[in-house]
PDB file of all heavy atoms in Angstrom:
ATOM      1  N   LEU A   1     196.973 103.174 103.768  1.00  0.00           N
ATOM      2  CA  LEU A   1     196.626 104.433 103.144  1.00  0.00           C
ATOM      3  C   LEU A   1     197.863 105.337 103.010  1.00  0.00           C
ATOM      4  O   LEU A   1     198.790 105.279 103.820  1.00  0.00           O
ATOM      5  CB  LEU A   1     195.568 105.157 103.971  1.00  0.00           C
ATOM      6  CG  LEU A   1     194.222 104.471 104.160  1.00  0.00           C
ATOM      7  CD1 LEU A   1     193.319 105.328 105.037  1.00  0.00           C
ATOM      8  CD2 LEU A   1     193.537 104.194 102.829  1.00  0.00           C
ATOM      9  N   GLY A   2     197.837 106.174 102.005  1.00  0.00           N
ATOM     10  CA  GLY A   2     198.859 107.200 101.901  1.00  0.00           C
ATOM     11  C   GLY A   2     198.724 108.222 103.000  1.00  0.00           C
ATOM     12  O   GLY A   2     197.665 108.341 103.623  1.00  0.00           O
ATOM     13  N   ASP A   3     199.765 108.977 103.240  1.00  0.00           N
ATOM     14  CA  ASP A   3     199.749 109.961 104.351  1.00  0.00           C
ATOM     15  C   ASP A   3     198.596 110.936 104.236  1.00  0.00           C
ATOM     16  O   ASP A   3     197.925 111.262 105.233  1.00  0.00           O
ATOM     17  CB  ASP A   3     201.061 110.728 104.379  1.00  0.00           C
ATOM     18  CG  ASP A   3     202.253 109.877 104.839  1.00  0.00           C
ATOM     19  OD1 ASP A   3     201.987 108.789 105.395  1.00  0.00           O
ATOM     20  OD2 ASP A   3     203.399 110.275 104.643  1.00  0.00           O
ATOM     21  N   GLU A   4     198.315 111.399 103.023  1.00  0.00           N
ATOM     22  CA  GLU A   4     197.253 112.415 102.837  1.00  0.00           C
ATOM     23  C   GLU A   4     195.906 111.846 103.224  1.00  0.00           C
ATOM     24  O   GLU A   4     195.128 112.481 103.959  1.00  0.00           O
ATOM     25  CB  GLU A   4     197.259 112.897 101.392  1.00  0.00           C
ATOM     26  CG  GLU A   4     196.301 114.074 101.148  1.00  0.00           C
ATOM     27  CD  GLU A   4     196.386 114.582  99.728  1.00  0.00           C
ATOM     28  OE1 GLU A   4     196.595 113.761  98.794  1.00  0.00           O
ATOM     29  OE2 GLU A   4     196.259 115.784  99.536  1.00  0.00           O
ATOM     30  N   GLN A   5     195.578 110.642 102.743  1.00  0.00           N
ATOM     31  CA  GLN A   5     194.283 110.051 103.059  1.00  0.00           C
ATOM     32  C   GLN A   5     194.210 109.701 104.554  1.00  0.00           C
ATOM     33  O   GLN A   5     193.164 109.902 105.175  1.00  0.00           O
ATOM     34  CB  GLN A   5     194.060 108.786 102.230  1.00  0.00           C
ATOM     35  CG  GLN A   5     193.570 109.037 100.822  1.00  0.00           C
ATOM     36  CD  GLN A   5     193.112 107.776 100.131  1.00  0.00           C
ATOM     37  OE1 GLN A   5     193.685 106.704 100.355  1.00  0.00           O
ATOM     38  NE2 GLN A   5     192.076 107.892  99.328  1.00  0.00           N
ATOM     39  N   ARG A   6     195.283 109.148 105.111  1.00  0.00           N
ATOM     40  CA  ARG A   6     195.256 108.752 106.505  1.00  0.00           C
ATOM     41  C   ARG A   6     195.079 109.977 107.403  1.00  0.00           C
ATOM     42  O   ARG A   6     194.299 109.970 108.359  1.00  0.00           O
ATOM     43  CB  ARG A   6     196.546 108.009 106.857  1.00  0.00           C
ATOM     44  CG  ARG A   6     196.533 107.385 108.253  1.00  0.00           C
ATOM     45  CD  ARG A   6     197.623 106.371 108.451  1.00  0.00           C
ATOM     46  NE  ARG A   6     198.953 106.918 108.204  1.00  0.00           N
ATOM     47  CZ  ARG A   6     199.765 106.541 107.223  1.00  0.00           C
ATOM     48  NH1 ARG A   6     199.381 105.626 106.351  1.00  0.00           N
ATOM     49  NH2 ARG A   6     200.970 107.104 107.071  1.00  0.00           N
ATOM     50  N   ASP A   7     195.771 111.062 107.096  1.00  0.00           N
ATOM     51  CA  ASP A   7     195.659 112.295 107.918  1.00  0.00           C
ATOM     52  C   ASP A   7     194.250 112.909 107.784  1.00  0.00           C
ATOM     53  O   ASP A   7     193.673 113.371 108.765  1.00  0.00           O
ATOM     54  CB  ASP A   7     196.714 113.321 107.473  1.00  0.00           C
ATOM     55  CG  ASP A   7     198.108 112.885 107.832  1.00  0.00           C
ATOM     56  OD1 ASP A   7     198.257 111.936 108.643  1.00  0.00           O
ATOM     57  OD2 ASP A   7     199.078 113.499 107.310  1.00  0.00           O
ATOM     58  N   ALA A   8     193.696 112.886 106.572  1.00  0.00           N
ATOM     59  CA  ALA A   8     192.363 113.452 106.367  1.00  0.00           C
ATOM     60  C   ALA A   8     191.314 112.634 107.111  1.00  0.00           C
ATOM     61  O   ALA A   8     190.408 113.187 107.757  1.00  0.00           O
ATOM     62  CB  ALA A   8     192.028 113.495 104.878  1.00  0.00           C
ATOM     63  N   LEU A   9     191.436 111.322 107.035  1.00  0.00           N
ATOM     64  CA  LEU A   9     190.481 110.442 107.734  1.00  0.00           C
ATOM     65  C   LEU A   9     190.563 110.634 109.231  1.00  0.00           C
ATOM     66  O   LEU A   9     189.539 110.739 109.928  1.00  0.00           O
ATOM     67  CB  LEU A   9     190.779 108.996 107.352  1.00  0.00           C
ATOM     68  CG  LEU A   9     189.824 107.928 107.928  1.00  0.00           C
ATOM     69  CD1 LEU A   9     188.419 108.136 107.384  1.00  0.00           C
ATOM     70  CD2 LEU A   9     190.328 106.532 107.592  1.00  0.00           C
ATOM     71  N   THR A  10     191.772 110.705 109.756  1.00  0.00           N
ATOM     72  CA  THR A  10     191.969 110.880 111.205  1.00  0.00           C
ATOM     73  C   THR A  10     191.420 112.226 111.671  1.00  0.00           C
ATOM     74  O   THR A  10     190.773 112.329 112.713  1.00  0.00           O
ATOM     75  CB  THR A  10     193.457 110.763 111.557  1.00  0.00           C
ATOM     76  OG1 THR A  10     193.956 109.483 111.129  1.00  0.00           O
ATOM     77  CG2 THR A  10     193.668 110.865 113.072  1.00  0.00           C
ATOM     78  N   ALA A  11     191.682 113.282 110.888  1.00  0.00           N
ATOM     79  CA  ALA A  11     191.214 114.615 111.259  1.00  0.00           C
ATOM     80  C   ALA A  11     189.693 114.686 111.231  1.00  0.00           C
ATOM     81  O   ALA A  11     189.068 115.258 112.129  1.00  0.00           O
ATOM     82  CB  ALA A  11     191.809 115.670 110.323  1.00  0.00           C
ATOM     83  N   ALA A  12     189.069 114.106 110.190  1.00  0.00           N
ATOM     84  CA  ALA A  12     187.626 114.101 110.107  1.00  0.00           C
ATOM     85  C   ALA A  12     187.020 113.351 111.265  1.00  0.00           C
ATOM     86  O   ALA A  12     186.052 113.803 111.904  1.00  0.00           O
ATOM     87  CB  ALA A  12     187.178 113.497 108.783  1.00  0.00           C
ATOM     88  N   ALA A  13     187.589 112.185 111.588  1.00  0.00           N
ATOM     89  CA  ALA A  13     187.060 111.373 112.688  1.00  0.00           C
ATOM     90  C   ALA A  13     187.158 112.114 114.009  1.00  0.00           C
ATOM     91  O   ALA A  13     186.232 112.063 114.853  1.00  0.00           O
ATOM     92  CB  ALA A  13     187.826 110.056 112.766  1.00  0.00           C
ATOM     93  N   GLN A  14     188.241 112.848 114.213  1.00  0.00           N
ATOM     94  CA  GLN A  14     188.400 113.583 115.458  1.00  0.00           C
ATOM     95  C   GLN A  14     187.370 114.693 115.606  1.00  0.00           C
ATOM     96  O   GLN A  14     186.825 114.931 116.670  1.00  0.00           O
ATOM     97  CB  GLN A  14     189.819 114.153 115.585  1.00  0.00           C
ATOM     98  CG  GLN A  14     190.102 114.845 116.899  1.00  0.00           C
ATOM     99  CD  GLN A  14     189.806 113.951 118.097  1.00  0.00           C
ATOM    100  OE1 GLN A  14     190.311 112.830 118.188  1.00  0.00           O
ATOM    101  NE2 GLN A  14     188.968 114.415 119.027  1.00  0.00           N
ATOM    102  N   ARG A  15     187.114 115.401 114.486  1.00  0.00           N
ATOM    103  CA  ARG A  15     186.122 116.462 114.519  1.00  0.00           C
ATOM    104  C   ARG A  15     184.716 115.914 114.801  1.00  0.00           C
ATOM    105  O   ARG A  15     183.933 116.486 115.547  1.00  0.00           O
ATOM    106  CB  ARG A  15     186.124 117.264 113.214  1.00  0.00           C
ATOM    107  CG  ARG A  15     187.389 118.092 113.006  1.00  0.00           C
ATOM    108  CD  ARG A  15     187.252 118.976 111.783  1.00  0.00           C
ATOM    109  NE  ARG A  15     186.187 119.957 111.972  1.00  0.00           N
ATOM    110  CZ  ARG A  15     186.308 121.134 112.536  1.00  0.00           C
ATOM    111  NH1 ARG A  15     187.508 121.501 113.008  1.00  0.00           N
ATOM    112  NH2 ARG A  15     185.300 121.956 112.646  1.00  0.00           N
ATOM    113  N   VAL A  16     184.392 114.783 114.147  1.00  0.00           N
ATOM    114  CA  VAL A  16     183.066 114.171 114.363  1.00  0.00           C
ATOM    115  C   VAL A  16     182.974 113.690 115.796  1.00  0.00           C
ATOM    116  O   VAL A  16     181.936 113.884 116.466  1.00  0.00           O
ATOM    117  CB  VAL A  16     182.884 112.989 113.374  1.00  0.00           C
ATOM    118  CG1 VAL A  16     181.597 112.223 113.716  1.00  0.00           C
ATOM    119  CG2 VAL A  16     182.837 113.477 111.956  1.00  0.00           C
ATOM    120  N   ARG A  17     184.055 113.122 116.353  1.00  0.00           N
ATOM    121  CA  ARG A  17     184.035 112.648 117.729  1.00  0.00           C
ATOM    122  C   ARG A  17     183.885 113.813 118.717  1.00  0.00           C
ATOM    123  O   ARG A  17     183.098 113.753 119.679  1.00  0.00           O
ATOM    124  CB  ARG A  17     185.290 111.870 118.044  1.00  0.00           C
ATOM    125  CG  ARG A  17     185.289 111.186 119.406  1.00  0.00           C
ATOM    126  CD  ARG A  17     186.521 110.311 119.585  1.00  0.00           C
ATOM    127  NE  ARG A  17     186.560 109.221 118.587  1.00  0.00           N
ATOM    128  CZ  ARG A  17     185.910 108.093 118.707  1.00  0.00           C
ATOM    129  NH1 ARG A  17     185.151 107.869 119.771  1.00  0.00           N
ATOM    130  NH2 ARG A  17     185.984 107.174 117.781  1.00  0.00           N
ATOM    131  N   THR A  18     184.606 114.893 118.472  1.00  0.00           N
ATOM    132  CA  THR A  18     184.526 116.064 119.370  1.00  0.00           C
ATOM    133  C   THR A  18     183.120 116.630 119.420  1.00  0.00           C
ATOM    134  O   THR A  18     182.608 116.986 120.484  1.00  0.00           O
ATOM    135  CB  THR A  18     185.526 117.132 118.900  1.00  0.00           C
ATOM    136  OG1 THR A  18     186.859 116.613 118.957  1.00  0.00           O
ATOM    137  CG2 THR A  18     185.440 118.372 119.779  1.00  0.00           C
ATOM    138  N   TYR A  19     182.498 116.732 118.220  1.00  0.00           N
ATOM    139  CA  TYR A  19     181.133 117.270 118.183  1.00  0.00           C
ATOM    140  C   TYR A  19     180.169 116.389 118.957  1.00  0.00           C
ATOM    141  O   TYR A  19     179.350 116.879 119.754  1.00  0.00           O
ATOM    142  CB  TYR A  19     180.681 117.383 116.724  1.00  0.00           C
ATOM    143  CG  TYR A  19     179.251 117.863 116.583  1.00  0.00           C
ATOM    144  CD1 TYR A  19     178.959 119.221 116.545  1.00  0.00           C
ATOM    145  CD2 TYR A  19     178.178 116.957 116.504  1.00  0.00           C
ATOM    146  CE1 TYR A  19     177.636 119.669 116.429  1.00  0.00           C
ATOM    147  CE2 TYR A  19     176.881 117.395 116.395  1.00  0.00           C
ATOM    148  CZ  TYR A  19     176.615 118.743 116.353  1.00  0.00           C
ATOM    149  OH  TYR A  19     175.320 119.180 116.245  1.00  0.00           O
ATOM    150  N   HIS A  20     180.260 115.082 118.777  1.00  0.00           N
ATOM    151  CA  HIS A  20     179.308 114.188 119.416  1.00  0.00           C
ATOM    152  C   HIS A  20     179.576 114.019 120.916  1.00  0.00           C
ATOM    153  O   HIS A  20     178.675 113.770 121.693  1.00  0.00           O
ATOM    154  CB  HIS A  20     179.278 112.830 118.705  1.00  0.00           C
ATOM    155  CG  HIS A  20     178.586 112.921 117.368  1.00  0.00           C
ATOM    156  ND1 HIS A  20     179.256 113.248 116.208  1.00  0.00           N
ATOM    157  CD2 HIS A  20     177.282 112.771 117.015  1.00  0.00           C
ATOM    158  CE1 HIS A  20     178.392 113.284 115.192  1.00  0.00           C
ATOM    159  NE2 HIS A  20     177.189 112.983 115.656  1.00  0.00           N
ATOM    160  N   GLU A  21     180.846 114.216 121.321  1.00  0.00           N
ATOM    161  CA  GLU A  21     181.115 114.245 122.764  1.00  0.00           C
ATOM    162  C   GLU A  21     180.461 115.463 123.422  1.00  0.00           C
ATOM    163  O   GLU A  21     179.932 115.390 124.521  1.00  0.00           O
ATOM    164  CB  GLU A  21     182.614 114.226 123.007  1.00  0.00           C
ATOM    165  CG  GLU A  21     183.266 112.878 122.763  1.00  0.00           C
ATOM    166  CD  GLU A  21     184.787 112.908 122.825  1.00  0.00           C
ATOM    167  OE1 GLU A  21     185.371 114.012 122.756  1.00  0.00           O
ATOM    168  OE2 GLU A  21     185.394 111.798 122.920  1.00  0.00           O
ATOM    169  N   ALA A  22     180.507 116.603 122.710  1.00  0.00           N
ATOM    170  CA  ALA A  22     179.826 117.810 123.208  1.00  0.00           C
ATOM    171  C   ALA A  22     178.315 117.586 123.253  1.00  0.00           C
ATOM    172  O   ALA A  22     177.632 117.994 124.209  1.00  0.00           O
ATOM    173  CB  ALA A  22     180.159 119.002 122.328  1.00  0.00           C
ATOM    174  N   GLN A  23     177.799 116.887 122.269  1.00  0.00           N
ATOM    175  CA  GLN A  23     176.365 116.570 122.232  1.00  0.00           C
ATOM    176  C   GLN A  23     175.962 115.710 123.406  1.00  0.00           C
ATOM    177  O   GLN A  23     174.936 115.899 124.041  1.00  0.00           O
ATOM    178  CB  GLN A  23     176.044 115.880 120.916  1.00  0.00           C
ATOM    179  CG  GLN A  23     174.581 115.629 120.653  1.00  0.00           C
ATOM    180  CD  GLN A  23     174.377 114.917 119.329  1.00  0.00           C
ATOM    181  OE1 GLN A  23     174.664 113.730 119.233  1.00  0.00           O
ATOM    182  NE2 GLN A  23     173.910 115.637 118.332  1.00  0.00           N
ATOM    183  N   LYS A  24     176.794 114.737 123.718  1.00  0.00           N
ATOM    184  CA  LYS A  24     176.524 113.841 124.850  1.00  0.00           C
ATOM    185  C   LYS A  24     176.513 114.617 126.158  1.00  0.00           C
ATOM    186  O   LYS A  24     175.659 114.431 127.022  1.00  0.00           O
ATOM    187  CB  LYS A  24     177.543 112.712 124.918  1.00  0.00           C
ATOM    188  CG  LYS A  24     177.296 111.727 126.040  1.00  0.00           C
ATOM    189  CD  LYS A  24     178.363 110.663 126.083  1.00  0.00           C
ATOM    190  CE  LYS A  24     178.130 109.702 127.253  1.00  0.00           C
ATOM    191  NZ  LYS A  24     179.214 108.708 127.385  1.00  0.00           N
ATOM    192  N   ARG A  25     177.469 115.527 126.336  1.00  0.00           N
ATOM    193  CA  ARG A  25     177.539 116.320 127.561  1.00  0.00           C
ATOM    194  C   ARG A  25     176.294 117.223 127.701  1.00  0.00           C
ATOM    195  O   ARG A  25     175.798 117.422 128.810  1.00  0.00           O
ATOM    196  CB  ARG A  25     178.781 117.172 127.576  1.00  0.00           C
ATOM    197  CG  ARG A  25     180.092 116.415 127.798  1.00  0.00           C
ATOM    198  CD  ARG A  25     181.242 117.348 128.114  1.00  0.00           C
ATOM    199  NE  ARG A  25     181.490 118.313 127.039  1.00  0.00           N
ATOM    200  CZ  ARG A  25     182.303 118.078 126.032  1.00  0.00           C
ATOM    201  NH1 ARG A  25     182.916 116.911 125.920  1.00  0.00           N
ATOM    202  NH2 ARG A  25     182.497 118.996 125.080  1.00  0.00           N
ATOM    203  N   ALA A  26     175.790 117.693 126.577  1.00  0.00           N
ATOM    204  CA  ALA A  26     174.666 118.641 126.611  1.00  0.00           C
ATOM    205  C   ALA A  26     173.351 117.963 126.884  1.00  0.00           C
ATOM    206  O   ALA A  26     172.460 118.520 127.525  1.00  0.00           O
ATOM    207  CB  ALA A  26     174.581 119.422 125.306  1.00  0.00           C
ATOM    208  N   SER A  27     173.181 116.730 126.400  1.00  0.00           N
ATOM    209  CA  SER A  27     171.819 116.141 126.451  1.00  0.00           C
ATOM    210  C   SER A  27     171.810 114.664 126.811  1.00  0.00           C
ATOM    211  O   SER A  27     170.725 114.095 126.871  1.00  0.00           O
ATOM    212  CB  SER A  27     171.137 116.335 125.112  1.00  0.00           C
ATOM    213  OG  SER A  27     171.874 115.666 124.077  1.00  0.00           O
ATOM    214  N   GLY A  28     172.946 114.081 127.061  1.00  0.00           N
ATOM    215  CA  GLY A  28     172.980 112.631 127.195  1.00  0.00           C
ATOM    216  C   GLY A  28     173.344 112.108 128.564  1.00  0.00           C
ATOM    217  O   GLY A  28     173.804 110.978 128.685  1.00  0.00           O
ATOM    218  N   GLU A  29     173.143 112.896 129.582  1.00  0.00           N
ATOM    219  CA  GLU A  29     173.516 112.467 130.913  1.00  0.00           C
ATOM    220  C   GLU A  29     172.273 112.185 131.773  1.00  0.00           C
ATOM    221  O   GLU A  29     171.225 112.791 131.590  1.00  0.00           O
ATOM    222  CB  GLU A  29     174.383 113.536 131.621  1.00  0.00           C
ATOM    223  CG  GLU A  29     175.648 113.921 130.832  1.00  0.00           C
ATOM    224  CD  GLU A  29     176.651 112.790 130.714  1.00  0.00           C
ATOM    225  OE1 GLU A  29     176.542 111.821 131.496  1.00  0.00           O
ATOM    226  OE2 GLU A  29     177.533 112.852 129.827  1.00  0.00           O
ATOM    227  N   SER A  30     172.438 111.286 132.722  1.00  0.00           N
ATOM    228  CA  SER A  30     171.341 111.008 133.659  1.00  0.00           C
ATOM    229  C   SER A  30     171.161 112.187 134.611  1.00  0.00           C
ATOM    230  O   SER A  30     172.076 112.974 134.849  1.00  0.00           O
ATOM    231  CB  SER A  30     171.671 109.741 134.470  1.00  0.00           C
ATOM    232  OG  SER A  30     171.861 108.622 133.615  1.00  0.00           O
ATOM    233  N   TRP A  31     169.958 112.314 135.172  1.00  0.00           N
ATOM    234  CA  TRP A  31     169.675 113.381 136.143  1.00  0.00           C
ATOM    235  C   TRP A  31     168.586 112.937 137.089  1.00  0.00           C
ATOM    236  O   TRP A  31     167.823 112.008 136.834  1.00  0.00           O
ATOM    237  CB  TRP A  31     169.242 114.665 135.402  1.00  0.00           C
ATOM    238  CG  TRP A  31     168.070 114.496 134.479  1.00  0.00           C
ATOM    239  CD1 TRP A  31     168.116 114.248 133.171  1.00  0.00           C
ATOM    240  CD2 TRP A  31     166.691 114.565 134.845  1.00  0.00           C
ATOM    241  NE1 TRP A  31     166.862 114.138 132.638  1.00  0.00           N
ATOM    242  CE2 TRP A  31     165.949 114.317 133.649  1.00  0.00           C
ATOM    243  CE3 TRP A  31     165.997 114.794 136.017  1.00  0.00           C
ATOM    244  CZ2 TRP A  31     164.545 114.332 133.630  1.00  0.00           C
ATOM    245  CZ3 TRP A  31     164.592 114.803 135.993  1.00  0.00           C
ATOM    246  CH2 TRP A  31     163.909 114.565 134.826  1.00  0.00           C
ATOM    247  N   SER A  32     168.527 113.587 138.226  1.00  0.00           N
ATOM    248  CA  SER A  32     167.478 113.307 139.214  1.00  0.00           C
ATOM    249  C   SER A  32     167.367 114.478 140.191  1.00  0.00           C
ATOM    250  O   SER A  32     168.258 115.306 140.296  1.00  0.00           O
ATOM    251  CB  SER A  32     167.789 112.013 139.985  1.00  0.00           C
ATOM    252  OG  SER A  32     168.960 112.153 140.771  1.00  0.00           O
ATOM    253  N   TYR A  33     166.233 114.524 140.900  1.00  0.00           N
ATOM    254  CA  TYR A  33     166.058 115.516 141.947  1.00  0.00           C
ATOM    255  C   TYR A  33     165.114 114.906 143.011  1.00  0.00           C
ATOM    256  O   TYR A  33     164.440 113.919 142.772  1.00  0.00           O
ATOM    257  CB  TYR A  33     165.469 116.809 141.419  1.00  0.00           C
ATOM    258  CG  TYR A  33     164.062 116.682 140.845  1.00  0.00           C
ATOM    259  CD1 TYR A  33     162.932 116.861 141.669  1.00  0.00           C
ATOM    260  CD2 TYR A  33     163.854 116.371 139.517  1.00  0.00           C
ATOM    261  CE1 TYR A  33     161.660 116.731 141.155  1.00  0.00           C
ATOM    262  CE2 TYR A  33     162.566 116.254 138.995  1.00  0.00           C
ATOM    263  CZ  TYR A  33     161.484 116.426 139.808  1.00  0.00           C
ATOM    264  OH  TYR A  33     160.222 116.299 139.316  1.00  0.00           O
ATOM    265  N   ARG A  34     165.091 115.511 144.206  1.00  0.00           N
ATOM    266  CA  ARG A  34     164.228 115.041 145.291  1.00  0.00           C
ATOM    267  C   ARG A  34     163.198 116.120 145.636  1.00  0.00           C
ATOM    268  O   ARG A  34     163.531 117.308 145.726  1.00  0.00           O
ATOM    269  CB  ARG A  34     165.041 114.681 146.537  1.00  0.00           C
ATOM    270  CG  ARG A  34     165.808 113.374 146.377  1.00  0.00           C
ATOM    271  CD  ARG A  34     166.365 112.876 147.709  1.00  0.00           C
ATOM    272  NE  ARG A  34     167.108 111.626 147.525  1.00  0.00           N
ATOM    273  CZ  ARG A  34     166.574 110.419 147.523  1.00  0.00           C
ATOM    274  NH1 ARG A  34     165.252 110.304 147.701  1.00  0.00           N
ATOM    275  NH2 ARG A  34     167.314 109.335 147.350  1.00  0.00           N
ATOM    276  N   ASP A  35     161.958 115.647 145.809  1.00  0.00           N
ATOM    277  CA  ASP A  35     160.901 116.534 146.316  1.00  0.00           C
ATOM    278  C   ASP A  35     161.190 116.874 147.795  1.00  0.00           C
ATOM    279  O   ASP A  35     162.040 116.254 148.427  1.00  0.00           O
ATOM    280  CB  ASP A  35     159.544 115.855 146.218  1.00  0.00           C
ATOM    281  CG  ASP A  35     159.000 115.827 144.826  1.00  0.00           C
ATOM    282  OD1 ASP A  35     159.555 116.553 143.957  1.00  0.00           O
ATOM    283  OD2 ASP A  35     158.032 115.094 144.562  1.00  0.00           O
ATOM    284  N   ALA A  36     160.428 117.800 148.312  1.00  0.00           N
ATOM    285  CA  ALA A  36     160.577 118.183 149.721  1.00  0.00           C
ATOM    286  C   ALA A  36     160.288 116.998 150.652  1.00  0.00           C
ATOM    287  O   ALA A  36     160.870 116.942 151.753  1.00  0.00           O
ATOM    288  CB  ALA A  36     159.623 119.344 150.048  1.00  0.00           C
ATOM    289  N   ASP A  37     159.465 116.046 150.230  1.00  0.00           N
ATOM    290  CA  ASP A  37     159.165 114.902 151.096  1.00  0.00           C
ATOM    291  C   ASP A  37     160.151 113.749 150.918  1.00  0.00           C
ATOM    292  O   ASP A  37     159.954 112.670 151.487  1.00  0.00           O
ATOM    293  CB  ASP A  37     157.724 114.416 150.844  1.00  0.00           C
ATOM    294  CG  ASP A  37     157.505 113.969 149.384  1.00  0.00           C
ATOM    295  OD1 ASP A  37     158.508 113.665 148.690  1.00  0.00           O
ATOM    296  OD2 ASP A  37     156.345 113.891 148.944  1.00  0.00           O
ATOM    297  N   GLY A  38     161.205 113.971 150.126  1.00  0.00           N
ATOM    298  CA  GLY A  38     162.213 112.940 149.968  1.00  0.00           C
ATOM    299  C   GLY A  38     162.039 112.038 148.771  1.00  0.00           C
ATOM    300  O   GLY A  38     162.877 111.178 148.500  1.00  0.00           O
ATOM    301  N   THR A  39     160.955 112.204 148.003  1.00  0.00           N
ATOM    302  CA  THR A  39     160.739 111.377 146.811  1.00  0.00           C
ATOM    303  C   THR A  39     161.768 111.739 145.764  1.00  0.00           C
ATOM    304  O   THR A  39     162.011 112.924 145.458  1.00  0.00           O
ATOM    305  CB  THR A  39     159.326 111.613 146.275  1.00  0.00           C
ATOM    306  OG1 THR A  39     158.370 111.130 147.227  1.00  0.00           O
ATOM    307  CG2 THR A  39     159.119 110.878 144.946  1.00  0.00           C
ATOM    308  N   LEU A  40     162.384 110.718 145.183  1.00  0.00           N
ATOM    309  CA  LEU A  40     163.376 110.928 144.134  1.00  0.00           C
ATOM    310  C   LEU A  40     162.756 110.678 142.769  1.00  0.00           C
ATOM    311  O   LEU A  40     162.081 109.661 142.545  1.00  0.00           O
ATOM    312  CB  LEU A  40     164.570 109.978 144.305  1.00  0.00           C
ATOM    313  CG  LEU A  40     165.699 110.093 143.284  1.00  0.00           C
ATOM    314  CD1 LEU A  40     167.067 109.950 143.918  1.00  0.00           C
ATOM    315  CD2 LEU A  40     165.536 109.057 142.161  1.00  0.00           C
ATOM    316  N   LEU A  41     162.949 111.609 141.859  1.00  0.00           N
ATOM    317  CA  LEU A  41     162.476 111.496 140.483  1.00  0.00           C
ATOM    318  C   LEU A  41     163.623 111.842 139.549  1.00  0.00           C
ATOM    319  O   LEU A  41     164.431 112.731 139.845  1.00  0.00           O
ATOM    320  CB  LEU A  41     161.310 112.449 140.210  1.00  0.00           C
ATOM    321  CG  LEU A  41     160.064 112.263 141.122  1.00  0.00           C
ATOM    322  CD1 LEU A  41     159.089 113.402 140.890  1.00  0.00           C
ATOM    323  CD2 LEU A  41     159.411 110.926 140.836  1.00  0.00           C
ATOM    324  N   GLY A  42     163.709 111.109 138.451  1.00  0.00           N
ATOM    325  CA  GLY A  42     164.813 111.399 137.556  1.00  0.00           C
ATOM    326  C   GLY A  42     164.741 110.563 136.293  1.00  0.00           C
ATOM    327  O   GLY A  42     163.735 109.933 135.980  1.00  0.00           O
ATOM    328  N   GLN A  43     165.878 110.562 135.615  1.00  0.00           N
ATOM    329  CA  GLN A  43     165.977 109.836 134.360  1.00  0.00           C
ATOM    330  C   GLN A  43     167.373 109.221 134.273  1.00  0.00           C
ATOM    331  O   GLN A  43     168.388 109.885 134.517  1.00  0.00           O
ATOM    332  CB  GLN A  43     165.762 110.778 133.171  1.00  0.00           C
ATOM    333  CG  GLN A  43     165.597 110.095 131.853  1.00  0.00           C
ATOM    334  CD  GLN A  43     165.208 111.094 130.773  1.00  0.00           C
ATOM    335  OE1 GLN A  43     166.046 111.804 130.241  1.00  0.00           O
ATOM    336  NE2 GLN A  43     163.920 111.142 130.415  1.00  0.00           N
ATOM    337  N   LYS A  44     167.415 107.931 133.933  1.00  0.00           N
ATOM    338  CA  LYS A  44     168.679 107.234 133.788  1.00  0.00           C
ATOM    339  C   LYS A  44     168.925 107.011 132.301  1.00  0.00           C
ATOM    340  O   LYS A  44     168.104 106.422 131.598  1.00  0.00           O
ATOM    341  CB  LYS A  44     168.630 105.874 134.511  1.00  0.00           C
ATOM    342  CG  LYS A  44     169.908 105.087 134.413  1.00  0.00           C
ATOM    343  CD  LYS A  44     169.809 103.783 135.206  1.00  0.00           C
ATOM    344  CE  LYS A  44     171.095 102.982 135.139  1.00  0.00           C
ATOM    345  NZ  LYS A  44     171.003 101.734 135.913  1.00  0.00           N
ATOM    346  N   VAL A  45     170.042 107.515 131.817  1.00  0.00           N
ATOM    347  CA  VAL A  45     170.393 107.392 130.401  1.00  0.00           C
ATOM    348  C   VAL A  45     171.446 106.299 130.249  1.00  0.00           C
ATOM    349  O   VAL A  45     172.502 106.357 130.887  1.00  0.00           O
ATOM    350  CB  VAL A  45     170.929 108.725 129.867  1.00  0.00           C
ATOM    351  CG1 VAL A  45     171.351 108.584 128.412  1.00  0.00           C
ATOM    352  CG2 VAL A  45     169.913 109.836 130.024  1.00  0.00           C
TER     353      VAL A  45
END
């Protein structure tokens, strides 16, 4: 690719990646908690 196309493609890809990494941090992580009696409940992503 010419410099202009290569730079545009790389910049677009980085912006798309940054957005989706933020999306993963916001909603894509596993979580769990324990009741008072020690029972563990959660979700594995």
